[in-house]
Amino acid sequence: MNEFSIKNIIDYYGKSERSRLTFLNNLQTVRLIDKDARNYWHRSLTAISQAFKRDDNSIIIERIEAISIDNESSTYNRTKLMYGQNIKILNNFIDFDFSVWKPRGKLNFLPQSEAVSAININGIQIKIHGDNLFSYKIDSVKYVGAIWFVATKNGFKNEELVLFTDALYRLLKYNFSEEYEIDINHCVAVDVFNVNSINYSQIQNEEKSSKLDTLIDGIKAKL
């Protein structure tokens, strides 16, 4: 069975009942579209990720300058729009304090290869991007956390963003729960367009509600 991304799930429920079946039948094509969408935001997301890891906002400024140069030389309106959208996102983070999303203690960033990035949820393979996994230690306790920077035009609604957080927690639980305590306060999804974030403790404390299981079950019933 093909893998679904969280964006696939969001897009599926944004369609009419009639077009949902076509969406599922064309999943391979949809996966390519989703990959292209990730590439659309690649330059802003990778810069934000690097700045987060290195505590260095100059990376943001350098990326804005690089994209601006490319934007000036481009003659394609669609490409210029893409560059403009990425610059708009990066401007949100020029002076941003990334420590608000980090626990205390020295962080050890884990290679993505250490985590299985597609996990089975209710019989469906869900692709999760564990690009920013980290561990740290307080006294004798080892913790693991993660942050997932996500982007879409005009940003995600809270009920959509929470799905990324829920999936990210499940990724951590599946891969690391035997060796680490999962830091639910620092298992975070960030909508970089609106600089909005949701951590897993908000789900656990019922401040935010995730319908990930329900949505996946709805898709499974149509397969």
Protein backbone atom coordinates (compact mmCIF):
# COMPACT_ATOMS: atom_id res chain seq x y z
CA MET A 1 0.00 0.00 0.00
CA ASN A 2 1.23 3.48 -0.80
CA GLU A 3 2.26 5.88 1.93
CA PHE A 4 0.17 8.91 2.87
CA SER A 5 1.66 12.16 4.07
CA ILE A 6 -0.17 14.35 6.57
CA LYS A 7 -0.63 16.87 3.77
CA ASN A 8 -2.28 14.12 1.68
CA ILE A 9 -4.77 13.55 4.50
CA ILE A 10 -5.52 17.26 4.81
CA ASP A 11 -5.97 17.57 1.04
CA TYR A 12 -8.22 14.50 0.92
CA TYR A 13 -10.69 15.96 3.40
CA GLY A 14 -10.63 19.27 1.58
CA LYS A 15 -12.18 17.59 -1.45
CA SER A 16 -15.78 16.76 -2.26
CA GLU A 17 -17.04 13.22 -1.70
CA ARG A 18 -17.07 12.63 -5.45
CA SER A 19 -13.45 13.65 -5.98
CA ARG A 20 -12.06 11.80 -2.94
CA LEU A 21 -12.18 8.42 -4.68
CA THR A 22 -10.29 9.83 -7.66
CA PHE A 23 -7.76 11.26 -5.23
CA LEU A 24 -7.18 7.83 -3.70
CA ASN A 25 -6.98 6.10 -7.07
CA ASN A 26 -4.34 8.58 -8.17
CA LEU A 27 -2.32 8.40 -4.98
CA GLN A 28 0.96 7.93 -6.82
CA THR A 29 0.41 11.18 -8.69
CA VAL A 30 -0.67 12.92 -5.51
CA ARG A 31 2.53 11.77 -3.82
CA LEU A 32 4.55 13.43 -6.58
CA ILE A 33 2.54 16.61 -6.10
CA ASP A 34 3.21 16.46 -2.39
CA LYS A 35 6.93 16.03 -3.06
CA ASP A 36 6.86 19.01 -5.39
CA ALA A 37 5.06 21.05 -2.74
CA ARG A 38 7.81 20.22 -0.25
CA ASN A 39 10.38 21.38 -2.81
CA TYR A 40 8.40 24.61 -3.25
CA TRP A 41 9.17 25.55 0.37
CA HIS A 42 12.55 23.83 0.51
CA ARG A 43 14.75 26.91 0.63
CA SER A 44 12.90 28.56 3.51
CA LEU A 45 12.34 25.34 5.50
CA THR A 46 15.96 24.20 5.29
CA ALA A 47 17.26 27.62 6.34
CA ILE A 48 14.90 27.71 9.34
CA SER A 49 15.91 24.18 10.30
CA GLN A 50 19.61 25.04 10.13
CA ALA A 51 19.13 28.24 12.10
CA PHE A 52 17.23 26.29 14.76
CA LYS A 53 19.97 23.68 15.05
CA ARG A 54 22.87 26.15 15.11
CA ASP A 55 21.24 29.03 17.01
CA ASP A 56 22.36 31.26 14.17
CA ASN A 57 19.89 33.68 12.60
CA SER A 58 22.49 34.86 10.10
CA ILE A 59 21.58 31.74 8.13
CA ILE A 60 18.12 33.25 7.61
CA ILE A 61 19.54 36.53 6.36
CA GLU A 62 21.99 34.81 4.01
CA ARG A 63 19.19 32.69 2.55
CA ILE A 64 16.99 35.74 1.98
CA GLU A 65 19.86 37.44 0.14
CA ALA A 66 20.48 34.34 -2.01
CA ILE A 67 16.82 33.94 -2.94
CA SER A 68 16.53 37.67 -3.66
CA ILE A 69 19.39 37.43 -6.16
CA ASP A 70 17.71 34.47 -7.87
CA ASN A 71 14.39 36.31 -7.85
CA GLU A 72 15.87 39.31 -9.64
CA SER A 73 17.35 37.16 -12.39
CA SER A 74 14.23 35.02 -12.94
CA THR A 75 11.87 35.84 -15.80
CA TYR A 76 9.12 33.36 -14.85
CA ASN A 77 6.22 34.74 -12.83
CA ARG A 78 5.54 31.39 -11.14
CA THR A 79 9.16 31.09 -10.05
CA LYS A 80 9.23 34.68 -8.81
CA LEU A 81 6.06 33.99 -6.80
CA MET A 82 7.72 30.95 -5.22
CA TYR A 83 10.78 33.01 -4.31
CA GLY A 84 8.58 35.74 -2.87
CA GLN A 85 6.64 33.30 -0.72
CA ASN A 86 9.85 31.79 0.67
CA ILE A 87 11.28 35.24 1.44
CA LYS A 88 8.04 36.19 3.20
CA ILE A 89 8.37 33.17 5.47
CA LEU A 90 12.05 33.80 6.17
CA ASN A 91 11.33 37.39 7.16
CA ASN A 92 9.34 35.97 10.08
CA PHE A 93 12.52 34.48 11.51
CA ILE A 94 15.20 37.15 11.02
CA ASP A 95 15.22 38.04 14.73
CA PHE A 96 13.36 35.00 16.04
CA ASP A 97 14.44 33.45 19.36
CA PHE A 98 14.56 29.73 18.56
CA SER A 99 15.23 28.88 22.21
CA VAL A 100 11.45 29.04 22.85
CA TRP A 101 11.22 25.66 21.10
CA LYS A 102 14.20 24.07 22.84
CA PRO A 103 14.52 22.35 26.21
CA ARG A 104 17.28 23.22 28.63
CA GLY A 105 20.41 21.17 28.28
CA LYS A 106 22.83 20.38 25.48
CA LEU A 107 21.01 18.97 22.46
CA ASN A 108 22.30 16.10 20.38
CA PHE A 109 20.66 16.20 16.96
CA LEU A 110 19.94 12.71 15.69
CA PRO A 111 20.44 11.67 12.06
CA GLN A 112 17.13 11.16 10.27
CA SER A 113 18.38 7.69 9.35
CA GLU A 114 18.02 6.66 12.98
CA ALA A 115 14.23 6.85 12.74
CA VAL A 116 11.77 4.85 10.68
CA SER A 117 9.97 7.69 8.92
CA ALA A 118 6.90 5.79 7.71
CA ILE A 119 4.82 4.20 10.44
CA ASN A 120 1.61 2.22 10.40
CA ILE A 121 -1.34 4.04 11.95
CA ASN A 122 -4.59 2.08 11.96
CA GLY A 123 -3.48 0.03 8.96
CA ILE A 124 -2.28 2.95 6.83
CA GLN A 125 1.38 3.83 6.23
CA ILE A 126 1.91 7.47 7.20
CA LYS A 127 5.05 9.29 6.04
CA ILE A 128 6.49 11.57 8.71
CA HIS A 129 9.48 13.86 8.21
CA GLY A 130 11.72 13.55 11.25
CA ASP A 131 14.15 16.21 10.07
CA ASN A 132 14.85 17.73 13.49
CA LEU A 133 15.10 14.98 16.07
CA PHE A 134 17.16 15.64 19.18
CA SER A 135 18.07 14.02 22.47
CA TYR A 136 19.36 15.44 25.72
CA LYS A 137 19.98 14.35 29.26
CA ILE A 138 18.93 15.80 32.61
CA ASP A 139 20.53 14.08 35.58
CA SER A 140 20.32 10.40 34.60
CA VAL A 141 17.21 10.67 32.43
CA LYS A 142 17.53 10.63 28.65
CA TYR A 143 14.90 12.57 26.70
CA VAL A 144 14.01 12.79 23.04
CA GLY A 145 12.12 15.57 21.29
CA ALA A 146 11.53 16.90 17.79
CA ILE A 147 10.35 19.90 15.85
CA TRP A 148 8.64 19.74 12.46
CA PHE A 149 8.65 22.91 10.38
CA VAL A 150 5.77 22.84 7.87
CA ALA A 151 4.53 25.26 5.25
CA THR A 152 1.59 25.82 2.95
CA LYS A 153 0.16 28.86 1.24
CA ASN A 154 -1.58 31.08 3.83
CA GLY A 155 -0.68 28.62 6.59
CA PHE A 156 -2.45 25.70 8.26
CA LYS A 157 -5.53 25.87 10.44
CA ASN A 158 -5.03 24.72 14.04
CA GLU A 159 -7.04 21.55 13.40
CA GLU A 160 -4.63 20.78 10.54
CA LEU A 161 -1.40 21.72 12.30
CA VAL A 162 -2.27 19.51 15.27
CA LEU A 163 -2.20 16.49 12.95
CA PHE A 164 1.51 17.05 12.30
CA THR A 165 2.18 17.22 16.04
CA ASP A 166 0.21 14.04 16.70
CA ALA A 167 2.04 12.18 13.93
CA LEU A 168 5.43 13.45 15.13
CA TYR A 169 4.74 12.15 18.64
CA ARG A 170 3.87 8.74 17.24
CA LEU A 171 7.13 8.76 15.29
CA LEU A 172 9.07 9.41 18.50
CA LYS A 173 7.10 6.79 20.41
CA TYR A 174 7.60 4.17 17.71
CA ASN A 175 11.34 4.74 17.35
CA PHE A 176 12.63 5.89 20.72
CA SER A 177 10.26 5.07 23.60
CA GLU A 178 12.32 2.10 24.82
CA GLU A 179 15.50 4.16 25.26
CA TYR A 180 14.21 7.67 25.94
CA GLU A 181 11.52 9.59 27.74
CA ILE A 182 9.52 11.51 25.17
CA ASP A 183 9.47 15.23 25.94
CA ILE A 184 5.89 16.12 25.05
CA ASN A 185 6.57 19.83 25.61
CA HIS A 186 9.21 19.75 22.91
CA CYS A 187 7.45 17.57 20.39
CA VAL A 188 6.34 20.48 18.23
CA ALA A 189 4.92 21.22 14.80
CA VAL A 190 5.47 24.78 13.55
CA ASP A 191 3.53 26.47 10.78
CA VAL A 192 6.25 28.77 9.50
CA PHE A 193 3.87 30.89 7.42
CA ASN A 194 2.04 32.15 10.53
CA VAL A 195 4.73 31.26 13.12
CA ASN A 196 2.11 29.17 14.92
CA SER A 197 3.15 26.12 16.93
CA ILE A 198 1.44 23.23 18.71
CA ASN A 199 3.23 20.84 21.05
CA TYR A 200 2.06 17.41 22.14
CA SER A 201 1.41 18.45 25.74
CA GLN A 202 -1.43 20.62 24.41
CA ILE A 203 -2.99 17.49 22.91
CA GLN A 204 -2.43 15.44 26.04
CA ASN A 205 -3.92 18.19 28.23
CA GLU A 206 -6.86 18.46 25.80
CA GLU A 207 -6.12 22.08 24.95
CA LYS A 208 -5.97 20.93 21.32
CA SER A 209 -7.84 18.03 19.75
CA SER A 210 -6.40 15.76 17.06
CA LYS A 211 -8.67 13.78 14.76
CA LEU A 212 -5.82 11.88 13.12
CA ASP A 213 -7.20 8.42 13.95
CA THR A 214 -10.70 9.33 12.77
CA LEU A 215 -9.40 10.82 9.53
CA ILE A 216 -7.20 7.82 8.80
CA ASP A 217 -10.07 5.42 9.54
CA GLY A 218 -12.23 7.38 7.09
CA ILE A 219 -9.62 6.96 4.36
CA LYS A 220 -9.11 3.28 5.16
CA ALA A 221 -12.83 2.65 4.76
CA LYS A 222 -12.61 3.91 1.16
CA LEU A 223 -9.64 1.79 0.14
